[in-house]
N, C-alpha and C. Protein backbone atom coordinates (compact mmCIF):
# COMPACT_ATOMS: atom_id res chain seq x y z
N MET A 1 0.81 -1.20 0.01
CA MET A 1 0.00 -0.01 0.02
C MET A 1 0.88 1.27 0.00
N GLU A 2 1.90 1.21 0.82
CA GLU A 2 2.83 2.35 0.96
C GLU A 2 3.53 2.58 -0.39
N SER A 3 3.95 1.51 -1.03
CA SER A 3 4.63 1.62 -2.29
C SER A 3 3.70 2.17 -3.39
N MET A 4 2.42 1.83 -3.28
CA MET A 4 1.43 2.32 -4.23
C MET A 4 1.27 3.84 -4.11
N ARG A 5 1.23 4.34 -2.87
CA ARG A 5 1.18 5.82 -2.65
C ARG A 5 2.43 6.50 -3.18
N THR A 6 3.56 5.90 -2.95
CA THR A 6 4.81 6.48 -3.39
C THR A 6 4.86 6.51 -4.93
N GLN A 7 4.39 5.45 -5.53
CA GLN A 7 4.35 5.42 -7.00
C GLN A 7 3.40 6.51 -7.53
N LYS A 8 2.27 6.72 -6.91
CA LYS A 8 1.35 7.74 -7.33
C LYS A 8 1.96 9.14 -7.17
N LYS A 9 2.68 9.33 -6.03
CA LYS A 9 3.32 10.62 -5.80
C LYS A 9 4.37 10.88 -6.93
N TYR A 10 5.17 9.84 -7.23
CA TYR A 10 6.16 10.00 -8.26
C TYR A 10 5.52 10.29 -9.64
N LEU A 11 4.43 9.58 -9.90
CA LEU A 11 3.72 9.76 -11.14
C LEU A 11 3.16 11.18 -11.23
N VAL A 12 2.57 11.70 -10.18
CA VAL A 12 2.07 13.07 -10.15
C VAL A 12 3.22 14.02 -10.32
N LEU A 13 4.34 13.77 -9.63
CA LEU A 13 5.51 14.65 -9.76
C LEU A 13 6.05 14.67 -11.19
N VAL A 14 6.07 13.52 -11.84
CA VAL A 14 6.54 13.45 -13.25
C VAL A 14 5.61 14.27 -14.15
N PHE A 15 4.30 14.17 -13.94
CA PHE A 15 3.36 14.95 -14.75
C PHE A 15 3.47 16.44 -14.52
N VAL A 16 3.70 16.82 -13.27
CA VAL A 16 3.90 18.23 -12.95
C VAL A 16 5.13 18.79 -13.64
N ILE A 17 6.24 18.02 -13.56
CA ILE A 17 7.48 18.45 -14.19
C ILE A 17 7.30 18.49 -15.70
N LEU A 18 6.65 17.50 -16.25
CA LEU A 18 6.39 17.47 -17.71
C LEU A 18 5.54 18.68 -18.13
N GLY A 19 4.54 18.99 -17.34
CA GLY A 19 3.69 20.16 -17.62
C GLY A 19 4.48 21.46 -17.58
N LEU A 20 5.35 21.56 -16.55
CA LEU A 20 6.16 22.78 -16.49
C LEU A 20 7.13 22.90 -17.68
N CYS A 21 7.68 21.78 -18.08
CA CYS A 21 8.60 21.82 -19.25
C CYS A 21 7.82 22.24 -20.50
N LEU A 22 6.65 21.66 -20.71
CA LEU A 22 5.84 22.00 -21.88
C LEU A 22 5.40 23.48 -21.82
N GLY A 23 5.00 23.91 -20.64
CA GLY A 23 4.58 25.28 -20.42
C GLY A 23 5.70 26.25 -20.76
N ALA A 24 6.94 25.90 -20.47
CA ALA A 24 8.07 26.77 -20.77
C ALA A 24 8.45 26.66 -22.26
N ALA A 25 8.30 25.49 -22.84
CA ALA A 25 8.74 25.28 -24.23
C ALA A 25 7.77 25.92 -25.25
N LEU A 26 6.46 25.93 -25.02
CA LEU A 26 5.53 26.45 -25.99
C LEU A 26 5.73 27.92 -26.32
N PRO A 27 5.89 28.78 -25.31
CA PRO A 27 6.16 30.19 -25.68
C PRO A 27 7.44 30.38 -26.47
N LEU A 28 8.48 29.60 -26.15
CA LEU A 28 9.75 29.68 -26.89
C LEU A 28 9.55 29.23 -28.34
N SER A 29 8.78 28.16 -28.52
CA SER A 29 8.48 27.72 -29.88
C SER A 29 7.69 28.77 -30.64
N ALA A 30 6.73 29.41 -30.00
CA ALA A 30 5.93 30.43 -30.68
C ALA A 30 6.85 31.64 -31.03
N GLN A 31 7.72 32.00 -30.16
CA GLN A 31 8.65 33.10 -30.44
C GLN A 31 9.55 32.77 -31.61
N ARG A 32 10.02 31.49 -31.67
CA ARG A 32 10.89 31.09 -32.74
C ARG A 32 10.14 31.13 -34.09
N ARG A 33 8.87 30.65 -34.10
CA ARG A 33 8.07 30.71 -35.33
C ARG A 33 7.86 32.15 -35.76
N GLN A 34 7.56 33.02 -34.81
CA GLN A 34 7.32 34.40 -35.13
C GLN A 34 8.61 35.02 -35.68
N GLY A 35 9.75 34.71 -35.10
CA GLY A 35 11.00 35.20 -35.63
C GLY A 35 11.29 34.76 -37.03
N GLN A 36 10.92 33.48 -37.33
CA GLN A 36 11.11 32.94 -38.68
C GLN A 36 10.22 33.67 -39.66
N ARG A 37 8.97 33.97 -39.24
CA ARG A 37 8.05 34.68 -40.12
C ARG A 37 8.57 36.07 -40.44
N ILE A 38 9.08 36.74 -39.43
CA ILE A 38 9.62 38.08 -39.63
C ILE A 38 10.84 38.04 -40.52
N ALA A 39 11.69 37.04 -40.34
CA ALA A 39 12.88 36.90 -41.17
C ALA A 39 12.50 36.66 -42.63
N ARG A 40 11.49 35.79 -42.88
CA ARG A 40 11.04 35.54 -44.27
C ARG A 40 10.49 36.81 -44.88
N ALA A 41 9.68 37.55 -44.13
CA ALA A 41 9.08 38.77 -44.64
C ALA A 41 10.18 39.80 -44.96
N THR A 42 11.18 39.90 -44.09
CA THR A 42 12.28 40.83 -44.34
C THR A 42 13.09 40.40 -45.57
N GLN A 43 13.32 39.11 -45.68
CA GLN A 43 14.07 38.61 -46.84
C GLN A 43 13.34 38.93 -48.12
N THR A 44 12.03 38.71 -48.14
CA THR A 44 11.26 38.92 -49.34
C THR A 44 11.24 40.41 -49.72
N ALA A 45 11.10 41.27 -48.77
CA ALA A 45 10.91 42.70 -49.03
C ALA A 45 12.26 43.45 -49.21
N ARG A 46 13.36 42.82 -48.89
CA ARG A 46 14.58 43.56 -48.80
C ARG A 46 15.15 44.05 -50.12
N ASP A 47 15.10 43.22 -51.17
CA ASP A 47 15.76 43.60 -52.39
C ASP A 47 14.89 43.26 -53.62
N PRO A 48 14.32 44.25 -54.27
CA PRO A 48 13.46 43.95 -55.43
C PRO A 48 14.23 43.50 -56.68
N LEU A 49 15.55 43.66 -56.64
CA LEU A 49 16.36 43.30 -57.84
C LEU A 49 16.81 41.86 -57.86
N VAL A 50 16.48 41.08 -56.84
CA VAL A 50 16.92 39.71 -56.75
C VAL A 50 16.53 38.90 -57.95
N SER A 51 15.29 38.95 -58.32
CA SER A 51 14.82 38.13 -59.46
C SER A 51 15.52 38.54 -60.76
N LEU A 52 15.69 39.82 -60.96
CA LEU A 52 16.40 40.29 -62.19
C LEU A 52 17.85 39.77 -62.19
N ARG A 53 18.52 39.86 -61.04
CA ARG A 53 19.91 39.37 -60.97
C ARG A 53 19.97 37.86 -61.29
N GLN A 54 19.02 37.11 -60.74
CA GLN A 54 19.00 35.67 -60.97
C GLN A 54 18.80 35.34 -62.42
N VAL A 55 17.85 35.99 -63.04
CA VAL A 55 17.52 35.73 -64.43
C VAL A 55 18.71 36.14 -65.34
N LEU A 56 19.34 37.26 -65.04
CA LEU A 56 20.52 37.66 -65.80
C LEU A 56 21.60 36.60 -65.68
N ASN A 57 21.82 36.12 -64.49
CA ASN A 57 22.85 35.12 -64.25
C ASN A 57 22.55 33.82 -64.99
N LYS A 58 21.30 33.35 -64.93
CA LYS A 58 20.89 32.14 -65.67
C LYS A 58 21.02 32.31 -67.15
N ALA A 59 20.78 33.51 -67.62
CA ALA A 59 20.88 33.76 -69.09
C ALA A 59 22.31 33.94 -69.54
N GLY A 60 23.24 34.02 -68.62
CA GLY A 60 24.63 34.20 -68.96
C GLY A 60 24.94 35.62 -69.37
N ALA A 61 24.10 36.58 -68.98
CA ALA A 61 24.32 37.98 -69.32
C ALA A 61 25.26 38.58 -68.27
N THR A 62 25.77 39.77 -68.64
CA THR A 62 26.57 40.51 -67.69
C THR A 62 25.72 40.96 -66.51
N ALA A 63 26.31 40.98 -65.32
CA ALA A 63 25.59 41.34 -64.13
C ALA A 63 25.28 42.86 -64.15
N LEU A 64 24.33 43.23 -63.34
CA LEU A 64 24.00 44.66 -63.23
C LEU A 64 25.19 45.41 -62.60
N SER A 65 25.46 46.55 -63.16
CA SER A 65 26.49 47.39 -62.56
C SER A 65 25.88 48.12 -61.37
N SER A 66 26.72 48.69 -60.56
CA SER A 66 26.20 49.41 -59.37
C SER A 66 25.38 50.62 -59.86
N ALA A 67 25.79 51.22 -60.95
CA ALA A 67 25.01 52.39 -61.49
C ALA A 67 23.65 51.93 -61.94
N GLN A 68 23.58 50.78 -62.63
CA GLN A 68 22.29 50.25 -63.05
C GLN A 68 21.38 49.95 -61.87
N GLU A 69 21.97 49.31 -60.86
CA GLU A 69 21.19 48.99 -59.64
C GLU A 69 20.64 50.26 -59.01
N GLN A 70 21.48 51.28 -58.94
CA GLN A 70 21.04 52.55 -58.33
C GLN A 70 19.91 53.18 -59.14
N GLN A 71 20.05 53.18 -60.47
CA GLN A 71 19.01 53.74 -61.33
C GLN A 71 17.68 52.96 -61.15
N LEU A 72 17.77 51.63 -61.14
CA LEU A 72 16.57 50.80 -60.96
C LEU A 72 15.94 51.03 -59.60
N ASN A 73 16.74 51.09 -58.56
CA ASN A 73 16.20 51.36 -57.22
C ASN A 73 15.58 52.72 -57.15
N ASP A 74 16.15 53.70 -57.80
CA ASP A 74 15.55 55.04 -57.82
C ASP A 74 14.21 55.01 -58.56
N LEU A 75 14.13 54.29 -59.68
CA LEU A 75 12.85 54.17 -60.40
C LEU A 75 11.79 53.46 -59.55
N ILE A 76 12.18 52.42 -58.86
CA ILE A 76 11.25 51.66 -58.01
C ILE A 76 10.73 52.54 -56.90
N THR A 77 11.64 53.25 -56.28
CA THR A 77 11.21 54.15 -55.17
C THR A 77 10.26 55.22 -55.68
N MET A 78 10.60 55.82 -56.80
CA MET A 78 9.72 56.86 -57.37
C MET A 78 8.35 56.32 -57.73
N PHE A 79 8.32 55.13 -58.35
CA PHE A 79 7.05 54.48 -58.74
C PHE A 79 6.18 54.24 -57.52
N LYS A 80 6.81 53.67 -56.47
CA LYS A 80 6.03 53.33 -55.26
C LYS A 80 5.56 54.58 -54.53
N SER A 81 6.37 55.62 -54.50
CA SER A 81 5.94 56.84 -53.81
C SER A 81 4.80 57.52 -54.59
N GLU A 82 4.84 57.51 -55.92
CA GLU A 82 3.74 58.07 -56.71
C GLU A 82 2.48 57.27 -56.51
N ARG A 83 2.61 55.97 -56.45
CA ARG A 83 1.44 55.10 -56.26
C ARG A 83 0.83 55.32 -54.89
N LYS A 84 1.69 55.49 -53.90
CA LYS A 84 1.22 55.73 -52.54
C LYS A 84 0.52 57.09 -52.45
N ALA A 85 1.04 58.05 -53.19
CA ALA A 85 0.44 59.40 -53.15
C ALA A 85 -0.96 59.42 -53.72
N GLN A 86 -1.27 58.47 -54.64
CA GLN A 86 -2.62 58.39 -55.22
C GLN A 86 -3.63 58.08 -54.13
N GLY A 87 -3.28 57.17 -53.26
CA GLY A 87 -4.11 56.84 -52.13
C GLY A 87 -5.51 56.39 -52.48
N GLN A 88 -6.43 56.60 -51.56
CA GLN A 88 -7.84 56.23 -51.74
C GLN A 88 -8.55 57.31 -52.52
N ASP A 89 -9.39 56.90 -53.41
CA ASP A 89 -10.16 57.82 -54.23
C ASP A 89 -11.55 57.94 -53.57
N SER A 90 -11.88 59.11 -53.01
CA SER A 90 -13.15 59.30 -52.35
C SER A 90 -14.32 59.24 -53.31
N ALA A 91 -14.12 59.66 -54.58
CA ALA A 91 -15.19 59.60 -55.56
C ALA A 91 -15.52 58.14 -55.89
N LEU A 92 -14.46 57.30 -55.95
CA LEU A 92 -14.67 55.88 -56.20
C LEU A 92 -15.40 55.20 -55.04
N GLN A 93 -15.02 55.57 -53.83
CA GLN A 93 -15.68 55.02 -52.64
C GLN A 93 -17.16 55.43 -52.60
N SER A 94 -17.42 56.70 -52.94
CA SER A 94 -18.78 57.18 -52.94
C SER A 94 -19.60 56.48 -54.03
N ALA A 95 -19.04 56.30 -55.20
CA ALA A 95 -19.75 55.63 -56.30
C ALA A 95 -20.06 54.16 -55.92
N ARG A 96 -19.12 53.55 -55.29
CA ARG A 96 -19.34 52.16 -54.84
C ARG A 96 -20.44 52.09 -53.80
N LYS A 97 -20.46 53.03 -52.90
CA LYS A 97 -21.49 53.07 -51.87
C LYS A 97 -22.88 53.31 -52.50
N ASN A 98 -22.94 54.26 -53.45
CA ASN A 98 -24.22 54.53 -54.12
C ASN A 98 -24.72 53.29 -54.88
N TYR A 99 -23.80 52.57 -55.49
CA TYR A 99 -24.14 51.35 -56.22
C TYR A 99 -24.71 50.31 -55.29
N GLU A 100 -24.03 50.08 -54.17
CA GLU A 100 -24.49 49.06 -53.19
C GLU A 100 -25.79 49.45 -52.58
N THR A 101 -25.97 50.76 -52.27
CA THR A 101 -27.24 51.21 -51.67
C THR A 101 -28.39 51.01 -52.62
N ALA A 102 -28.19 51.35 -53.89
CA ALA A 102 -29.24 51.15 -54.88
C ALA A 102 -29.63 49.70 -54.99
N ILE A 103 -28.66 48.80 -54.94
CA ILE A 103 -28.96 47.38 -55.02
C ILE A 103 -29.76 46.95 -53.79
N LEU A 104 -29.33 47.39 -52.62
CA LEU A 104 -29.98 46.97 -51.38
C LEU A 104 -31.41 47.53 -51.23
N THR A 105 -31.68 48.61 -51.92
CA THR A 105 -33.02 49.21 -51.87
C THR A 105 -33.90 48.67 -53.02
N GLY A 106 -33.28 47.86 -53.92
CA GLY A 106 -34.03 47.28 -55.02
C GLY A 106 -34.33 48.28 -56.13
N ASP A 107 -33.62 49.37 -56.18
CA ASP A 107 -33.82 50.40 -57.21
C ASP A 107 -32.94 50.10 -58.42
N VAL A 108 -33.49 49.42 -59.37
CA VAL A 108 -32.75 48.96 -60.56
C VAL A 108 -32.21 50.13 -61.37
N ALA A 109 -33.04 51.13 -61.57
CA ALA A 109 -32.63 52.31 -62.39
C ALA A 109 -31.44 53.02 -61.77
N ASN A 110 -31.50 53.28 -60.45
CA ASN A 110 -30.36 53.92 -59.79
C ASN A 110 -29.15 53.01 -59.75
N ALA A 111 -29.38 51.69 -59.61
CA ALA A 111 -28.28 50.74 -59.57
C ALA A 111 -27.55 50.77 -60.92
N THR A 112 -28.29 50.84 -62.00
CA THR A 112 -27.70 50.88 -63.34
C THR A 112 -26.91 52.18 -63.54
N ASN A 113 -27.50 53.29 -63.16
CA ASN A 113 -26.76 54.58 -63.25
C ASN A 113 -25.50 54.58 -62.40
N ALA A 114 -25.64 54.05 -61.16
CA ALA A 114 -24.48 53.97 -60.26
C ALA A 114 -23.41 53.04 -60.85
N ALA A 115 -23.83 51.94 -61.44
CA ALA A 115 -22.90 51.00 -62.06
C ALA A 115 -22.13 51.68 -63.19
N ASP A 116 -22.81 52.49 -63.99
CA ASP A 116 -22.15 53.24 -65.09
C ASP A 116 -21.13 54.16 -64.55
N GLU A 117 -21.49 54.94 -63.49
CA GLU A 117 -20.56 55.87 -62.88
C GLU A 117 -19.35 55.15 -62.28
N LEU A 118 -19.62 54.05 -61.61
CA LEU A 118 -18.53 53.27 -60.99
C LEU A 118 -17.63 52.72 -62.07
N ALA A 119 -18.16 52.25 -63.17
CA ALA A 119 -17.38 51.72 -64.27
C ALA A 119 -16.46 52.79 -64.85
N LYS A 120 -16.98 53.99 -65.02
CA LYS A 120 -16.17 55.13 -65.54
C LYS A 120 -14.99 55.40 -64.61
N LEU A 121 -15.27 55.48 -63.33
CA LEU A 121 -14.21 55.78 -62.36
C LEU A 121 -13.17 54.68 -62.30
N LEU A 122 -13.65 53.43 -62.34
CA LEU A 122 -12.72 52.29 -62.33
C LEU A 122 -11.85 52.27 -63.60
N SER A 123 -12.47 52.59 -64.71
CA SER A 123 -11.75 52.64 -65.98
C SER A 123 -10.66 53.72 -65.94
N THR A 124 -10.99 54.87 -65.40
CA THR A 124 -9.99 55.94 -65.27
C THR A 124 -8.83 55.53 -64.38
N ARG A 125 -9.19 54.93 -63.25
CA ARG A 125 -8.15 54.49 -62.30
C ARG A 125 -7.26 53.42 -62.93
N LEU A 126 -7.88 52.45 -63.58
CA LEU A 126 -7.10 51.34 -64.20
C LEU A 126 -6.22 51.93 -65.31
N SER A 127 -6.73 52.83 -66.10
CA SER A 127 -5.93 53.44 -67.15
C SER A 127 -4.71 54.12 -66.59
N ALA A 128 -4.90 54.87 -65.50
CA ALA A 128 -3.77 55.58 -64.86
C ALA A 128 -2.73 54.57 -64.34
N ARG A 129 -3.20 53.48 -63.75
CA ARG A 129 -2.29 52.44 -63.26
C ARG A 129 -1.51 51.78 -64.42
N LEU A 130 -2.18 51.49 -65.50
CA LEU A 130 -1.55 50.83 -66.65
C LEU A 130 -0.50 51.81 -67.25
N GLU A 131 -0.83 53.09 -67.34
CA GLU A 131 0.11 54.07 -67.86
C GLU A 131 1.36 54.18 -66.97
N ALA A 132 1.14 54.19 -65.67
CA ALA A 132 2.26 54.27 -64.72
C ALA A 132 3.14 53.01 -64.82
N ASN A 133 2.49 51.87 -64.94
CA ASN A 133 3.19 50.59 -65.07
C ASN A 133 4.02 50.58 -66.37
N ALA A 134 3.40 51.00 -67.46
CA ALA A 134 4.10 50.99 -68.74
C ALA A 134 5.30 51.96 -68.70
N SER A 135 5.09 53.12 -68.09
CA SER A 135 6.18 54.08 -67.99
C SER A 135 7.34 53.52 -67.19
N PHE A 136 7.03 52.85 -66.10
CA PHE A 136 8.08 52.29 -65.24
C PHE A 136 8.87 51.23 -66.03
N ARG A 137 8.12 50.31 -66.68
CA ARG A 137 8.81 49.21 -67.38
C ARG A 137 9.64 49.73 -68.54
N ALA A 138 9.14 50.74 -69.24
CA ALA A 138 9.92 51.29 -70.35
C ALA A 138 11.22 51.95 -69.85
N LYS A 139 11.13 52.65 -68.73
CA LYS A 139 12.34 53.28 -68.14
C LYS A 139 13.29 52.23 -67.63
N ALA A 140 12.76 51.20 -66.97
CA ALA A 140 13.61 50.13 -66.47
C ALA A 140 14.30 49.37 -67.63
N TYR A 141 13.58 49.20 -68.70
CA TYR A 141 14.11 48.54 -69.91
C TYR A 141 15.31 49.30 -70.45
N THR A 142 15.21 50.68 -70.43
CA THR A 142 16.30 51.46 -71.00
C THR A 142 17.56 51.42 -70.10
N VAL A 143 17.38 51.07 -68.82
CA VAL A 143 18.54 50.95 -67.94
C VAL A 143 19.39 49.75 -68.30
N LEU A 144 18.77 48.72 -68.82
CA LEU A 144 19.49 47.51 -69.19
C LEU A 144 20.36 47.74 -70.43
N GLN A 145 21.53 47.09 -70.47
CA GLN A 145 22.38 47.21 -71.65
C GLN A 145 21.86 46.28 -72.74
N SER A 146 22.22 46.58 -73.98
CA SER A 146 21.69 45.81 -75.13
C SER A 146 22.08 44.33 -75.05
N ASP A 147 23.32 44.01 -74.55
CA ASP A 147 23.68 42.62 -74.44
C ASP A 147 22.89 41.90 -73.34
N GLN A 148 22.51 42.63 -72.31
CA GLN A 148 21.68 42.04 -71.25
C GLN A 148 20.28 41.73 -71.81
N VAL A 149 19.73 42.69 -72.56
CA VAL A 149 18.39 42.52 -73.14
C VAL A 149 18.38 41.34 -74.09
N SER A 150 19.43 41.26 -74.94
CA SER A 150 19.51 40.15 -75.91
C SER A 150 19.59 38.82 -75.21
N ALA A 151 20.42 38.73 -74.19
CA ALA A 151 20.53 37.47 -73.45
C ALA A 151 19.23 37.06 -72.79
N LEU A 152 18.54 38.09 -72.19
CA LEU A 152 17.25 37.79 -71.56
C LEU A 152 16.22 37.37 -72.57
N GLU A 153 16.14 38.06 -73.69
CA GLU A 153 15.18 37.72 -74.69
C GLU A 153 15.37 36.31 -75.28
N SER A 154 16.67 35.94 -75.44
CA SER A 154 16.92 34.61 -75.95
C SER A 154 16.68 33.51 -74.92
N SER A 155 16.85 33.86 -73.64
CA SER A 155 16.68 32.91 -72.58
C SER A 155 15.23 32.75 -72.18
N ILE A 156 14.50 33.86 -71.93
CA ILE A 156 13.13 33.78 -71.40
C ILE A 156 12.11 34.42 -72.32
N GLY A 157 12.52 34.96 -73.43
CA GLY A 157 11.58 35.57 -74.37
C GLY A 157 11.21 36.98 -73.97
N LYS A 158 10.50 37.62 -74.85
CA LYS A 158 10.06 38.99 -74.58
C LYS A 158 8.98 39.05 -73.47
N ASP A 159 8.10 38.05 -73.47
CA ASP A 159 7.10 38.04 -72.40
C ASP A 159 7.75 37.83 -71.04
N GLY A 160 8.77 36.96 -71.04
CA GLY A 160 9.50 36.72 -69.77
C GLY A 160 10.22 37.97 -69.31
N LEU A 161 10.79 38.73 -70.23
CA LEU A 161 11.48 39.98 -69.93
C LEU A 161 10.49 40.95 -69.32
N LEU A 162 9.29 41.08 -69.92
CA LEU A 162 8.26 41.96 -69.37
C LEU A 162 7.88 41.54 -67.97
N ARG A 163 7.73 40.24 -67.74
CA ARG A 163 7.36 39.73 -66.40
C ARG A 163 8.45 40.06 -65.37
N VAL A 164 9.71 39.93 -65.77
CA VAL A 164 10.81 40.25 -64.87
C VAL A 164 10.80 41.76 -64.52
N LEU A 165 10.58 42.58 -65.53
CA LEU A 165 10.52 44.02 -65.24
C LEU A 165 9.32 44.37 -64.33
N ARG A 166 8.22 43.69 -64.53
CA ARG A 166 7.03 43.90 -63.69
C ARG A 166 7.33 43.44 -62.25
N SER A 167 8.12 42.40 -62.10
CA SER A 167 8.42 41.86 -60.77
C SER A 167 9.20 42.85 -59.91
N LEU A 168 9.80 43.84 -60.54
CA LEU A 168 10.56 44.84 -59.80
C LEU A 168 9.62 45.71 -58.93
N ILE A 169 8.40 45.84 -59.38
CA ILE A 169 7.46 46.73 -58.64
C ILE A 169 6.36 45.97 -57.94
N ILE A 170 6.17 44.68 -58.26
CA ILE A 170 5.15 43.90 -57.62
C ILE A 170 5.88 42.96 -56.68
N THR A 171 5.77 43.18 -55.37
CA THR A 171 6.50 42.42 -54.41
C THR A 171 5.77 41.20 -53.89
N ALA A 172 4.43 41.24 -54.00
CA ALA A 172 3.63 40.11 -53.58
C ALA A 172 2.35 40.09 -54.33
N PRO A 173 1.82 38.86 -54.43
CA PRO A 173 0.52 38.79 -55.16
C PRO A 173 -0.54 39.65 -54.47
N ARG A 174 -1.27 40.37 -55.27
CA ARG A 174 -2.35 41.19 -54.74
C ARG A 174 -3.62 40.81 -55.44
N TYR A 175 -4.68 40.81 -54.68
CA TYR A 175 -6.00 40.49 -55.24
C TYR A 175 -6.73 41.80 -55.30
N ILE A 176 -6.99 42.24 -56.50
CA ILE A 176 -7.67 43.54 -56.72
C ILE A 176 -9.16 43.29 -56.84
N THR A 177 -9.89 44.01 -56.01
CA THR A 177 -11.35 43.91 -56.08
C THR A 177 -11.84 45.13 -56.85
N LEU A 178 -12.49 44.89 -57.96
CA LEU A 178 -12.95 46.01 -58.74
C LEU A 178 -14.32 46.50 -58.20
N ILE A 179 -15.14 45.59 -57.75
CA ILE A 179 -16.46 46.01 -57.26
C ILE A 179 -16.66 45.56 -55.84
């Protein structure tokens, strides 16, 4: 009987120690995972020229010079600051609200008019974005040397070259909601 009580005490003691160990280990594990997530995010966002460098290397083209890298980084910074300056369009938000309100009230005529207005605003905004994107890619293209362009075109084609130039300003997939 005495040995049974002793065994139970040891068993309880083992579970208490095990619980304390797990209780101490879980926060450390969570901190480590959070640190890994932050490191991955930092790695991804740190250098927009990584993909271009890799593609140039695979194509056997000359590497980017420091002057080219500086020019591209300046173009990227300028593009992103202009895009950020555009911000939210209050007219677009208002048109979207009018459209949704007309739908929720069952007013088909107003919903149709609001849809037309919303479509015009979205078209204008999309056109401005496409123009800015085209301008950026054309400027980035001119930074590359002719031998680099030739090597890239023979390696990944013109479509691939356009995708690489686009990757300089698109850092992560974005899901654009039009309506």
